[in-house]
Amino acid sequence: MRRIYTWEDVCIGCHLCELACVVAQSSSSNPVVAYRNESLLPAPRLRVVEEANGSFSFASTCHQCEEPLCLYSCLTGALYRDERGLVRVEAARCVGCWTCVLACPYGAIRPGAGATSVKCDLCQGRRETPACVEACPNGALALAEEPPVRWREVATLLDQQFRAEPVQEGAKSVA
């Protein structure tokens, strides 16, 4: 199942992913038109979480859980799995009880405009790659099937490889 993965090591807390999400969810999908002319902008489907001192930040979005507590807690059946396996919100059935908001361990579901919950839908029907992933200036977000190898782990492996002492000709191994 594809989902958005976050590399908190490179997130700078700029909130461009949130802005891109709002614009992608707006009726115009144009940033200038959306912010100037649309009276009610949609809530972003992800949020940037930051430490109080600003030393740590990351984008928090839906994990598309195999066992989604949000879906199981929904009293009206407004949360459902679509044909691709994504957990979605049917706004017409949502009554705004917020049990899904309370049940999500990642804080990925939020109260939206009116009495409906909103969550990431990977920009389904609007674009191939989610707007937040495209907008991130540091590449801190990635859409993938499996968790990508983290940059820090790759850097550590490369560092170990280049710091290894070269084998000298004629050297005897110690057994």
Protein backbone atom coordinates (compact mmCIF):
# COMPACT_ATOMS: atom_id res chain seq x y z
CA MET A 1 0.00 0.00 0.00
CA ARG A 2 1.39 3.38 -0.97
CA ARG A 3 1.66 5.99 1.72
CA ILE A 4 3.67 9.10 2.48
CA TYR A 5 6.87 8.58 4.46
CA THR A 6 8.64 11.42 6.28
CA TRP A 7 12.36 11.98 6.84
CA GLU A 8 12.37 14.14 9.93
CA ASP A 9 16.14 14.59 9.60
CA VAL A 10 15.71 16.88 6.60
CA CYS A 11 12.35 18.54 7.40
CA ILE A 12 12.95 22.25 8.05
CA GLY A 13 9.43 23.02 9.29
CA CYS A 14 8.63 25.43 6.44
CA HIS A 15 4.97 24.29 6.19
CA LEU A 16 5.04 24.34 2.37
CA CYS A 17 3.54 20.85 2.41
CA GLU A 18 0.53 22.18 4.34
CA LEU A 19 0.14 25.08 1.91
CA ALA A 20 0.34 22.74 -1.10
CA CYS A 21 -2.25 20.46 0.50
CA VAL A 22 -4.70 23.32 1.08
CA VAL A 23 -4.32 24.51 -2.50
CA ALA A 24 -4.71 20.98 -3.91
CA GLN A 25 -7.90 20.49 -1.89
CA SER A 26 -9.30 23.93 -2.83
CA SER A 27 -11.91 24.33 -5.54
CA SER A 28 -9.56 26.31 -7.81
CA SER A 29 -6.27 24.41 -7.22
CA ASN A 30 -4.54 27.74 -7.81
CA PRO A 31 -2.70 29.31 -4.85
CA VAL A 32 -3.44 32.95 -5.70
CA VAL A 33 -7.10 32.34 -6.54
CA ALA A 34 -7.58 30.05 -3.55
CA TYR A 35 -6.17 32.49 -0.99
CA ARG A 36 -7.70 35.63 -2.51
CA ASN A 37 -11.14 34.49 -3.68
CA GLU A 38 -12.22 31.37 -1.83
CA SER A 39 -14.07 32.31 1.34
CA LEU A 40 -13.55 28.97 3.09
CA LEU A 41 -10.25 27.18 2.50
CA PRO A 42 -10.08 23.46 3.24
CA ALA A 43 -8.08 22.23 6.21
CA PRO A 44 -4.71 20.69 5.31
CA ARG A 45 -4.76 16.90 5.36
CA LEU A 46 -1.34 16.79 7.04
CA ARG A 47 0.29 18.95 9.64
CA VAL A 48 3.83 19.90 10.50
CA VAL A 49 4.72 19.00 14.08
CA GLU A 50 7.52 21.05 15.63
CA GLU A 51 9.42 21.00 18.90
CA ALA A 52 8.93 24.15 20.97
CA ASN A 53 12.52 25.26 20.38
CA GLY A 54 12.31 24.54 16.64
CA SER A 55 15.09 21.94 16.70
CA PHE A 56 12.90 19.12 15.41
CA SER A 57 10.03 19.03 12.91
CA PHE A 58 8.25 16.57 10.67
CA ALA A 59 5.09 16.27 8.59
CA SER A 60 2.46 14.03 10.16
CA THR A 61 0.06 12.36 7.76
CA CYS A 62 -2.12 9.27 7.53
CA HIS A 63 -0.20 6.00 7.85
CA GLN A 64 -2.87 4.00 6.00
CA CYS A 65 -2.77 1.43 8.80
CA GLU A 66 -3.49 -2.23 8.12
CA GLU A 67 -5.69 -2.22 11.24
CA PRO A 68 -7.05 1.36 11.22
CA LEU A 69 -8.39 2.31 14.63
CA CYS A 70 -10.03 5.37 13.10
CA LEU A 71 -12.11 3.24 10.75
CA TYR A 72 -13.13 0.82 13.51
CA SER A 73 -14.17 3.68 15.79
CA CYS A 74 -16.36 5.48 13.25
CA LEU A 75 -19.94 5.35 14.52
CA THR A 76 -21.64 6.14 11.20
CA GLY A 77 -19.47 4.27 8.71
CA ALA A 78 -18.20 7.52 7.20
CA LEU A 79 -14.69 6.07 7.19
CA TYR A 80 -14.24 3.24 4.72
CA ARG A 81 -11.61 1.48 2.61
CA ASP A 82 -11.84 2.25 -1.08
CA GLU A 83 -11.13 -0.24 -3.87
CA ARG A 84 -7.39 0.48 -3.61
CA GLY A 85 -7.32 -0.09 0.15
CA LEU A 86 -7.02 3.57 1.18
CA VAL A 87 -8.95 4.70 4.24
CA ARG A 88 -11.22 7.53 3.08
CA VAL A 89 -13.87 9.82 4.59
CA GLU A 90 -17.35 10.07 3.11
CA ALA A 91 -18.22 13.60 4.22
CA ALA A 92 -21.97 13.13 3.72
CA ARG A 93 -22.05 10.38 6.39
CA CYS A 94 -19.76 12.12 8.91
CA VAL A 95 -21.64 13.66 11.84
CA GLY A 96 -18.63 15.26 13.52
CA CYS A 97 -18.51 13.06 16.62
CA TRP A 98 -14.67 13.02 16.33
CA THR A 99 -14.23 9.47 17.62
CA CYS A 100 -11.90 8.87 14.67
CA VAL A 101 -9.85 11.93 15.70
CA LEU A 102 -9.50 10.48 19.20
CA ALA A 103 -8.75 6.96 17.94
CA CYS A 104 -5.96 7.82 15.49
CA PRO A 105 -2.62 7.24 17.26
CA TYR A 106 -0.83 9.54 14.78
CA GLY A 107 -3.10 12.57 14.96
CA ALA A 108 -3.66 12.26 11.22
CA ILE A 109 -7.41 12.90 11.23
CA ARG A 110 -8.60 16.42 11.99
CA PRO A 111 -11.87 18.27 12.29
CA GLY A 112 -12.52 19.99 8.99
CA ALA A 113 -14.90 22.72 7.88
CA GLY A 114 -18.36 22.14 9.26
CA ALA A 115 -18.95 18.87 11.04
CA THR A 116 -16.73 16.54 9.03
CA SER A 117 -13.39 14.87 9.61
CA VAL A 118 -10.61 15.26 7.07
CA LYS A 119 -7.56 13.08 6.43
CA CYS A 120 -5.01 12.55 3.69
CA ASP A 121 -6.37 10.89 0.57
CA LEU A 122 -3.04 11.03 -1.31
CA CYS A 123 -4.63 13.64 -3.62
CA GLN A 124 -6.68 10.88 -5.28
CA GLY A 125 -8.34 12.00 -8.48
CA ARG A 126 -6.37 15.25 -8.56
CA ARG A 127 -2.77 14.30 -9.29
CA GLU A 128 -0.40 11.35 -9.59
CA THR A 129 1.97 12.47 -6.82
CA PRO A 130 0.52 14.15 -3.72
CA ALA A 131 0.93 17.92 -3.67
CA CYS A 132 2.82 17.86 -0.37
CA VAL A 133 5.47 15.51 -1.76
CA GLU A 134 5.95 17.71 -4.84
CA ALA A 135 6.16 20.90 -2.76
CA CYS A 136 8.73 19.81 -0.17
CA PRO A 137 11.94 21.75 -0.95
CA ASN A 138 14.20 19.28 0.91
CA GLY A 139 12.65 16.02 -0.24
CA ALA A 140 11.57 15.18 3.31
CA LEU A 141 8.38 13.51 2.01
CA ALA A 142 8.19 10.48 -0.28
CA LEU A 143 5.31 8.44 -1.66
CA ALA A 144 6.31 4.79 -1.60
CA GLU A 145 5.02 1.23 -1.21
CA GLU A 146 7.65 0.28 1.36
CA PRO A 147 9.63 2.41 3.80
CA PRO A 148 12.59 3.81 1.87
CA VAL A 149 16.10 3.37 3.23
CA ARG A 150 16.67 6.34 5.43
CA TRP A 151 19.27 8.88 4.41
CA ARG A 152 21.06 8.67 7.74
CA GLU A 153 21.52 4.91 7.36
CA VAL A 154 22.86 5.37 3.84
CA ALA A 155 25.23 8.09 5.02
CA THR A 156 26.46 5.86 7.86
CA LEU A 157 27.11 2.97 5.46
CA LEU A 158 28.99 5.22 3.06
CA ASP A 159 30.99 6.74 5.90
CA GLN A 160 31.97 3.27 7.16
CA GLN A 161 32.93 2.21 3.64
CA PHE A 162 35.22 5.17 3.04
CA ARG A 163 36.80 5.11 6.50
CA ALA A 164 37.74 1.45 6.28
CA GLU A 165 41.47 1.04 6.15
CA PRO A 166 42.66 0.03 2.72
CA VAL A 167 44.20 -3.40 2.37
CA GLN A 168 47.93 -3.08 1.78
CA GLU A 169 49.75 -5.41 -0.57
CA GLY A 170 51.81 -8.03 1.18
CA ALA A 171 50.09 -7.53 4.53
CA LYS A 172 49.55 -10.68 6.54
CA SER A 173 46.20 -11.38 8.08
CA VAL A 174 46.12 -12.05 11.80
CA ALA A 175 44.19 -15.22 12.59
